[in-house]
Amino acid sequence: MSNLQAFMAQNVMKAEVEEHEVSPRFKEDGKTIKWHFGAIDGNKDAAIRKECTRRVPVPMKKGMTMPELDGNRYSLKLAVETIVHPNLNNVELQKSYGAMDAEGLLQKMLLPGELTKVKELVQTINGFDLSMDELVEEAKN
C-alpha cells in the first residue's frame, strides 16, 4: 500500500507556468516575446466543457437528445484559460484589435497556423498529450 501522504494537496508538485515562443511577430527590444501558459484544474475544465456542450436531437429517436461538444469552441476557450500572459481579458488589448472578448482577441492576434500551434501546446500543458497507445501501456503498469 502506498503512502497516502504523497497524495495530499500540499505534497503534490504544482504545475509550473511555462514560457513558449508563439510567434516571431511579437517583439520587444528586438527579441521575440514569450507567452506564458499555466495548466488549469479539472473543475475549470469541466466548466469549459459544459459551456461548450449543447443538446442535439438523436436521429430517428423522436424527443431524444444527446450532448455534443463543440470541439473548436472548447479548444479556443481552453487556450484562453491556459494563457497567463499576455492577459487576453485586458480591455485595452482587446480594443486595439477590435475584439469583443478574449476568444475573439486570440483569433485576431494569431495567424491560423500560430493558433493551431497554441492549441496543440495547450493540450500538452493540460495533460492531453498522451496517445491511446501510451495510455494503454500506462494502464498495464
N, C-alpha and C. Protein backbone atom coordinates (compact mmCIF):
# COMPACT_ATOMS: atom_id res chain seq x y z
N MET A 1 0.86 -1.18 0.00
CA MET A 1 0.00 0.00 0.00
C MET A 1 0.90 1.24 0.00
N SER A 2 0.57 2.20 -0.82
CA SER A 2 1.40 3.40 -0.91
C SER A 2 1.06 4.38 0.21
N ASN A 3 1.94 5.31 0.41
CA ASN A 3 1.78 6.31 1.44
C ASN A 3 0.75 7.34 0.99
N LEU A 4 -0.33 7.46 1.73
CA LEU A 4 -1.41 8.39 1.40
C LEU A 4 -0.95 9.84 1.46
N GLN A 5 0.07 10.12 2.23
CA GLN A 5 0.58 11.49 2.36
C GLN A 5 1.05 12.06 1.02
N ALA A 6 1.52 11.19 0.15
CA ALA A 6 2.01 11.64 -1.16
C ALA A 6 0.89 12.26 -2.00
N PHE A 7 -0.36 11.92 -1.69
CA PHE A 7 -1.49 12.43 -2.45
C PHE A 7 -2.11 13.69 -1.85
N MET A 8 -1.66 14.09 -0.67
CA MET A 8 -2.19 15.29 -0.02
C MET A 8 -1.81 16.52 -0.85
N ALA A 9 -2.74 17.46 -0.93
CA ALA A 9 -2.58 18.64 -1.79
C ALA A 9 -1.25 19.36 -1.56
N GLN A 10 -0.86 19.49 -0.32
CA GLN A 10 0.38 20.21 -0.02
C GLN A 10 1.64 19.47 -0.48
N ASN A 11 1.52 18.18 -0.80
CA ASN A 11 2.69 17.39 -1.21
C ASN A 11 2.77 17.13 -2.71
N VAL A 12 1.77 17.54 -3.44
CA VAL A 12 1.74 17.31 -4.89
C VAL A 12 2.51 18.43 -5.59
N MET A 13 3.32 18.04 -6.57
CA MET A 13 4.05 19.04 -7.34
C MET A 13 3.06 19.91 -8.11
N LYS A 14 3.19 21.19 -8.01
CA LYS A 14 2.32 22.12 -8.71
C LYS A 14 2.79 22.28 -10.15
N ALA A 15 1.85 22.40 -11.06
CA ALA A 15 2.20 22.66 -12.46
C ALA A 15 2.77 24.06 -12.55
N GLU A 16 3.91 24.17 -13.16
CA GLU A 16 4.57 25.46 -13.28
C GLU A 16 4.12 26.19 -14.54
N VAL A 17 4.20 27.49 -14.51
CA VAL A 17 3.91 28.30 -15.69
C VAL A 17 5.06 28.10 -16.66
N GLU A 18 4.71 27.77 -17.90
CA GLU A 18 5.71 27.54 -18.94
C GLU A 18 5.75 28.72 -19.90
N GLU A 19 6.93 29.01 -20.41
CA GLU A 19 7.09 30.08 -21.39
C GLU A 19 7.38 29.47 -22.75
N HIS A 20 6.68 29.96 -23.77
CA HIS A 20 6.87 29.44 -25.13
C HIS A 20 6.79 30.59 -26.13
N GLU A 21 7.59 30.46 -27.18
CA GLU A 21 7.54 31.41 -28.28
C GLU A 21 6.39 31.01 -29.19
N VAL A 22 5.42 31.88 -29.32
CA VAL A 22 4.23 31.60 -30.11
C VAL A 22 4.37 32.12 -31.53
N SER A 23 4.98 33.30 -31.66
CA SER A 23 5.12 33.92 -32.97
C SER A 23 6.30 34.89 -32.94
N PRO A 24 7.07 34.88 -34.01
CA PRO A 24 8.18 35.85 -34.11
C PRO A 24 7.68 37.26 -34.39
N ARG A 25 6.37 37.42 -34.58
CA ARG A 25 5.82 38.73 -34.90
C ARG A 25 5.69 39.64 -33.69
N PHE A 26 5.73 39.07 -32.48
CA PHE A 26 5.61 39.87 -31.25
C PHE A 26 7.01 40.08 -30.68
N LYS A 27 7.49 41.32 -30.78
CA LYS A 27 8.86 41.62 -30.36
C LYS A 27 8.91 42.80 -29.41
N GLU A 28 9.93 42.77 -28.56
CA GLU A 28 10.21 43.89 -27.67
C GLU A 28 11.73 44.02 -27.61
N ASP A 29 12.24 45.19 -27.90
CA ASP A 29 13.68 45.44 -27.95
C ASP A 29 14.38 44.46 -28.90
N GLY A 30 13.71 44.12 -29.99
CA GLY A 30 14.30 43.24 -30.99
C GLY A 30 14.24 41.76 -30.66
N LYS A 31 13.71 41.41 -29.50
CA LYS A 31 13.64 40.00 -29.10
C LYS A 31 12.19 39.53 -29.11
N THR A 32 12.00 38.29 -29.54
CA THR A 32 10.65 37.72 -29.57
C THR A 32 10.15 37.54 -28.14
N ILE A 33 8.92 37.96 -27.91
CA ILE A 33 8.31 37.86 -26.59
C ILE A 33 7.72 36.47 -26.43
N LYS A 34 8.02 35.85 -25.29
CA LYS A 34 7.46 34.54 -24.99
C LYS A 34 6.12 34.71 -24.27
N TRP A 35 5.18 33.83 -24.60
CA TRP A 35 3.89 33.81 -23.93
C TRP A 35 3.99 32.85 -22.75
N HIS A 36 3.19 33.09 -21.72
CA HIS A 36 3.21 32.25 -20.52
C HIS A 36 1.93 31.41 -20.46
N PHE A 37 2.09 30.14 -20.14
CA PHE A 37 0.97 29.20 -20.11
C PHE A 37 0.97 28.47 -18.76
N GLY A 38 -0.22 28.32 -18.19
CA GLY A 38 -0.36 27.60 -16.93
C GLY A 38 -1.55 26.64 -17.01
N ALA A 39 -1.34 25.40 -16.59
CA ALA A 39 -2.39 24.38 -16.64
C ALA A 39 -3.59 24.79 -15.78
N ILE A 40 -4.77 24.37 -16.20
CA ILE A 40 -5.99 24.61 -15.42
C ILE A 40 -6.31 23.35 -14.63
N ASP A 41 -7.25 23.45 -13.69
CA ASP A 41 -7.64 22.27 -12.92
C ASP A 41 -8.88 21.61 -13.53
N GLY A 42 -9.24 20.46 -13.00
CA GLY A 42 -10.37 19.70 -13.52
C GLY A 42 -11.69 20.43 -13.41
N ASN A 43 -11.87 21.22 -12.35
CA ASN A 43 -13.12 21.97 -12.20
C ASN A 43 -13.29 23.00 -13.30
N LYS A 44 -12.21 23.70 -13.62
CA LYS A 44 -12.27 24.71 -14.68
C LYS A 44 -12.51 24.03 -16.03
N ASP A 45 -11.86 22.89 -16.25
CA ASP A 45 -12.06 22.16 -17.49
C ASP A 45 -13.51 21.71 -17.63
N ALA A 46 -14.09 21.22 -16.54
CA ALA A 46 -15.50 20.78 -16.57
C ALA A 46 -16.43 21.94 -16.90
N ALA A 47 -16.14 23.12 -16.35
CA ALA A 47 -16.96 24.29 -16.62
C ALA A 47 -16.87 24.69 -18.10
N ILE A 48 -15.67 24.63 -18.66
CA ILE A 48 -15.48 24.97 -20.08
C ILE A 48 -16.22 23.95 -20.95
N ARG A 49 -16.08 22.67 -20.62
CA ARG A 49 -16.77 21.62 -21.39
C ARG A 49 -18.28 21.82 -21.35
N LYS A 50 -18.79 22.13 -20.17
CA LYS A 50 -20.23 22.34 -20.02
C LYS A 50 -20.69 23.52 -20.89
N GLU A 51 -19.92 24.59 -20.86
CA GLU A 51 -20.25 25.79 -21.64
C GLU A 51 -20.22 25.52 -23.15
N CYS A 52 -19.39 24.55 -23.56
CA CYS A 52 -19.22 24.26 -24.98
C CYS A 52 -20.04 23.05 -25.45
N THR A 53 -20.91 22.55 -24.60
CA THR A 53 -21.73 21.39 -24.94
C THR A 53 -23.18 21.81 -25.10
N ARG A 54 -23.81 21.27 -26.12
CA ARG A 54 -25.23 21.54 -26.33
C ARG A 54 -25.93 20.21 -26.58
N ARG A 55 -27.22 20.23 -26.40
CA ARG A 55 -28.03 19.04 -26.62
C ARG A 55 -28.52 19.06 -28.07
N VAL A 56 -28.35 17.94 -28.75
CA VAL A 56 -28.79 17.83 -30.14
C VAL A 56 -29.74 16.65 -30.26
N PRO A 57 -30.69 16.74 -31.18
CA PRO A 57 -31.63 15.63 -31.36
C PRO A 57 -30.93 14.36 -31.84
N VAL A 58 -31.41 13.21 -31.36
CA VAL A 58 -30.90 11.93 -31.82
C VAL A 58 -31.67 11.56 -33.09
N PRO A 59 -30.97 11.30 -34.18
CA PRO A 59 -31.68 10.93 -35.42
C PRO A 59 -32.54 9.69 -35.22
N MET A 60 -33.74 9.74 -35.75
CA MET A 60 -34.67 8.62 -35.72
C MET A 60 -35.22 8.29 -34.33
N LYS A 61 -34.95 9.15 -33.35
CA LYS A 61 -35.45 8.93 -31.98
C LYS A 61 -36.17 10.20 -31.55
N LYS A 62 -37.45 10.27 -31.84
CA LYS A 62 -38.24 11.46 -31.55
C LYS A 62 -38.20 11.81 -30.07
N GLY A 63 -37.90 13.06 -29.80
CA GLY A 63 -37.89 13.55 -28.43
C GLY A 63 -36.62 13.27 -27.65
N MET A 64 -35.68 12.52 -28.22
CA MET A 64 -34.43 12.21 -27.52
C MET A 64 -33.32 13.15 -27.97
N THR A 65 -32.49 13.54 -27.04
CA THR A 65 -31.33 14.36 -27.35
C THR A 65 -30.08 13.74 -26.73
N MET A 66 -28.95 14.18 -27.22
CA MET A 66 -27.67 13.73 -26.65
C MET A 66 -26.71 14.92 -26.63
N PRO A 67 -25.74 14.88 -25.71
CA PRO A 67 -24.79 16.01 -25.65
C PRO A 67 -23.81 15.97 -26.82
N GLU A 68 -23.46 17.16 -27.29
CA GLU A 68 -22.48 17.29 -28.36
C GLU A 68 -21.53 18.42 -28.00
N LEU A 69 -20.25 18.11 -27.96
CA LEU A 69 -19.22 19.09 -27.62
C LEU A 69 -18.77 19.81 -28.89
N ASP A 70 -18.76 21.14 -28.84
CA ASP A 70 -18.22 21.95 -29.93
C ASP A 70 -16.70 22.00 -29.72
N GLY A 71 -15.99 21.12 -30.41
CA GLY A 71 -14.55 20.97 -30.21
C GLY A 71 -13.75 22.22 -30.50
N ASN A 72 -14.12 22.96 -31.53
CA ASN A 72 -13.39 24.19 -31.86
C ASN A 72 -13.55 25.23 -30.76
N ARG A 73 -14.78 25.39 -30.30
CA ARG A 73 -15.05 26.36 -29.23
C ARG A 73 -14.33 25.95 -27.94
N TYR A 74 -14.37 24.65 -27.65
CA TYR A 74 -13.70 24.14 -26.44
C TYR A 74 -12.20 24.40 -26.49
N SER A 75 -11.56 24.07 -27.62
CA SER A 75 -10.10 24.25 -27.69
C SER A 75 -9.72 25.72 -27.60
N LEU A 76 -10.55 26.60 -28.15
CA LEU A 76 -10.27 28.03 -28.07
C LEU A 76 -10.42 28.54 -26.64
N LYS A 77 -11.50 28.14 -25.97
CA LYS A 77 -11.71 28.57 -24.58
C LYS A 77 -10.63 27.98 -23.66
N LEU A 78 -10.23 26.73 -23.91
CA LEU A 78 -9.16 26.11 -23.13
C LEU A 78 -7.86 26.89 -23.30
N ALA A 79 -7.59 27.31 -24.52
CA ALA A 79 -6.38 28.10 -24.78
C ALA A 79 -6.42 29.42 -24.02
N VAL A 80 -7.55 30.11 -24.07
CA VAL A 80 -7.69 31.40 -23.38
C VAL A 80 -7.47 31.22 -21.87
N GLU A 81 -8.01 30.17 -21.29
CA GLU A 81 -7.87 29.95 -19.85
C GLU A 81 -6.46 29.52 -19.46
N THR A 82 -5.74 28.90 -20.39
CA THR A 82 -4.39 28.42 -20.11
C THR A 82 -3.34 29.53 -20.28
N ILE A 83 -3.61 30.49 -21.17
CA ILE A 83 -2.66 31.58 -21.41
C ILE A 83 -2.69 32.55 -20.23
N VAL A 84 -1.55 32.71 -19.60
CA VAL A 84 -1.40 33.60 -18.45
C VAL A 84 -0.96 34.99 -18.90
N HIS A 85 -0.06 35.01 -19.88
CA HIS A 85 0.47 36.28 -20.40
C HIS A 85 0.69 36.14 -21.89
N PRO A 86 0.16 37.00 -22.71
CA PRO A 86 -0.49 38.26 -22.37
C PRO A 86 -1.89 38.02 -21.79
N ASN A 87 -2.36 39.01 -21.05
CA ASN A 87 -3.69 38.93 -20.45
C ASN A 87 -4.72 39.19 -21.54
N LEU A 88 -5.35 38.13 -22.00
CA LEU A 88 -6.31 38.25 -23.10
C LEU A 88 -7.61 38.90 -22.68
N ASN A 89 -7.81 39.09 -21.38
CA ASN A 89 -9.01 39.76 -20.88
C ASN A 89 -8.80 41.26 -20.70
N ASN A 90 -7.63 41.74 -21.06
CA ASN A 90 -7.32 43.17 -20.95
C ASN A 90 -8.12 43.94 -21.99
N VAL A 91 -8.97 44.84 -21.52
CA VAL A 91 -9.87 45.59 -22.39
C VAL A 91 -9.09 46.43 -23.40
N GLU A 92 -8.00 47.04 -22.96
CA GLU A 92 -7.20 47.88 -23.85
C GLU A 92 -6.61 47.05 -25.00
N LEU A 93 -6.12 45.85 -24.67
CA LEU A 93 -5.58 44.97 -25.70
C LEU A 93 -6.68 44.52 -26.66
N GLN A 94 -7.85 44.18 -26.12
CA GLN A 94 -8.97 43.79 -26.96
C GLN A 94 -9.38 44.91 -27.91
N LYS A 95 -9.45 46.14 -27.38
CA LYS A 95 -9.82 47.29 -28.21
C LYS A 95 -8.81 47.52 -29.33
N SER A 96 -7.53 47.30 -29.05
CA SER A 96 -6.51 47.54 -30.07
C SER A 96 -6.69 46.62 -31.28
N TYR A 97 -7.31 45.46 -31.08
CA TYR A 97 -7.56 44.51 -32.17
C TYR A 97 -9.01 44.57 -32.64
N GLY A 98 -9.84 45.37 -31.99
CA GLY A 98 -11.25 45.42 -32.34
C GLY A 98 -11.98 44.16 -31.93
N ALA A 99 -11.55 43.53 -30.84
CA ALA A 99 -12.16 42.28 -30.36
C ALA A 99 -13.12 42.58 -29.21
N MET A 100 -14.14 41.76 -29.09
CA MET A 100 -15.15 41.94 -28.05
C MET A 100 -14.90 41.08 -26.82
N ASP A 101 -14.08 40.03 -26.97
CA ASP A 101 -13.81 39.13 -25.85
C ASP A 101 -12.45 38.46 -26.05
N ALA A 102 -12.04 37.67 -25.06
CA ALA A 102 -10.71 37.04 -25.09
C ALA A 102 -10.56 36.06 -26.24
N GLU A 103 -11.62 35.29 -26.52
CA GLU A 103 -11.55 34.32 -27.62
C GLU A 103 -11.37 35.04 -28.96
N GLY A 104 -12.15 36.10 -29.16
CA GLY A 104 -12.04 36.87 -30.39
C GLY A 104 -10.67 37.51 -30.53
N LEU A 105 -10.14 37.97 -29.40
CA LEU A 105 -8.81 38.59 -29.41
C LEU A 105 -7.75 37.59 -29.85
N LEU A 106 -7.78 36.40 -29.28
CA LEU A 106 -6.78 35.39 -29.62
C LEU A 106 -6.83 35.06 -31.10
N GLN A 107 -8.04 34.96 -31.65
CA GLN A 107 -8.18 34.66 -33.07
C GLN A 107 -7.68 35.80 -33.95
N LYS A 108 -7.81 37.04 -33.49
CA LYS A 108 -7.33 38.18 -34.28
C LYS A 108 -5.83 38.38 -34.12
N MET A 109 -5.28 38.03 -32.98
CA MET A 109 -3.85 38.23 -32.73
C MET A 109 -2.98 37.27 -33.54
N LEU A 110 -3.46 36.04 -33.69
CA LEU A 110 -2.61 34.99 -34.25
C LEU A 110 -3.02 34.60 -35.66
N LEU A 111 -2.03 34.23 -36.45
CA LEU A 111 -2.29 33.65 -37.75
C LEU A 111 -2.86 32.25 -37.53
N PRO A 112 -3.58 31.69 -38.49
CA PRO A 112 -4.18 30.36 -38.29
C PRO A 112 -3.19 29.28 -37.85
N GLY A 113 -2.02 29.25 -38.44
CA GLY A 113 -1.00 28.26 -38.05
C GLY A 113 -0.50 28.49 -36.63
N GLU A 114 -0.36 29.76 -36.25
CA GLU A 114 0.07 30.08 -34.89
C GLU A 114 -0.99 29.66 -33.87
N LEU A 115 -2.25 29.87 -34.22
CA LEU A 115 -3.33 29.49 -33.32
C LEU A 115 -3.37 27.97 -33.16
N THR A 116 -3.16 27.24 -34.23
CA THR A 116 -3.11 25.78 -34.16
C THR A 116 -1.96 25.34 -33.26
N LYS A 117 -0.81 25.99 -33.41
CA LYS A 117 0.35 25.68 -32.58
C LYS A 117 0.03 25.91 -31.10
N VAL A 118 -0.65 27.01 -30.80
CA VAL A 118 -1.03 27.33 -29.42
C VAL A 118 -1.99 26.28 -28.88
N LYS A 119 -2.98 25.89 -29.67
CA LYS A 119 -3.95 24.89 -29.23
C LYS A 119 -3.27 23.56 -28.93
N GLU A 120 -2.31 23.16 -29.76
CA GLU A 120 -1.58 21.91 -29.53
C GLU A 120 -0.74 22.02 -28.26
N LEU A 121 -0.11 23.14 -28.06
CA LEU A 121 0.69 23.38 -26.86
C LEU A 121 -0.17 23.34 -25.61
N VAL A 122 -1.34 23.95 -25.68
CA VAL A 122 -2.29 23.98 -24.56
C VAL A 122 -2.73 22.56 -24.20
N GLN A 123 -2.95 21.73 -25.22
CA GLN A 123 -3.32 20.34 -24.96
C GLN A 123 -2.23 19.63 -24.16
N THR A 124 -0.99 19.83 -24.54
CA THR A 124 0.13 19.20 -23.85
C THR A 124 0.26 19.72 -22.42
N ILE A 125 0.17 21.02 -22.24
CA ILE A 125 0.31 21.63 -20.92
C ILE A 125 -0.75 21.13 -19.96
N ASN A 126 -1.95 20.86 -20.49
CA ASN A 126 -3.05 20.40 -19.65
C ASN A 126 -3.15 18.87 -19.56
N GLY A 127 -2.13 18.18 -20.04
CA GLY A 127 -2.05 16.73 -19.86
C GLY A 127 -2.77 15.90 -20.88
N PHE A 128 -3.16 16.49 -22.01
CA PHE A 128 -3.86 15.74 -23.05
C PHE A 128 -2.90 15.24 -24.13
N ASP A 129 -1.64 15.11 -23.79
CA ASP A 129 -0.63 14.78 -24.80
C ASP A 129 -0.35 13.29 -24.94
N LEU A 130 -0.98 12.44 -24.14
CA LEU A 130 -0.72 11.02 -24.23
C LEU A 130 -1.58 10.39 -25.33
N SER A 131 -0.95 9.57 -26.16
CA SER A 131 -1.70 8.87 -27.20
C SER A 131 -2.43 7.68 -26.57
N MET A 132 -3.33 7.08 -27.29
CA MET A 132 -4.06 5.92 -26.79
C MET A 132 -3.10 4.78 -26.48
N ASP A 133 -2.08 4.58 -27.31
CA ASP A 133 -1.09 3.52 -27.06
C ASP A 133 -0.35 3.77 -25.75
N GLU A 134 0.01 5.03 -25.50
CA GLU A 134 0.69 5.37 -24.25
C GLU A 134 -0.22 5.15 -23.05
N LEU A 135 -1.50 5.48 -23.19
CA LEU A 135 -2.44 5.28 -22.10
C LEU A 135 -2.62 3.80 -21.79
N VAL A 136 -2.69 2.95 -22.83
CA VAL A 136 -2.82 1.50 -22.64
C VAL A 136 -1.59 0.97 -21.94
N GLU A 137 -0.43 1.39 -22.38
CA GLU A 137 0.83 0.92 -21.76
C GLU A 137 0.91 1.36 -20.31
N GLU A 138 0.50 2.61 -20.03
CA GLU A 138 0.50 3.14 -18.66
C GLU A 138 -0.47 2.34 -17.79
N ALA A 139 -1.61 1.97 -18.34
CA ALA A 139 -2.61 1.20 -17.57
C ALA A 139 -2.09 -0.19 -17.24
N LYS A 140 -1.29 -0.78 -18.14
CA LYS A 140 -0.72 -2.11 -17.88
C LYS A 140 0.24 -2.08 -16.71
N ASN A 141 0.95 -0.99 -16.55
CA ASN A 141 1.95 -0.88 -15.47
C ASN A 141 1.23 -0.45 -14.25
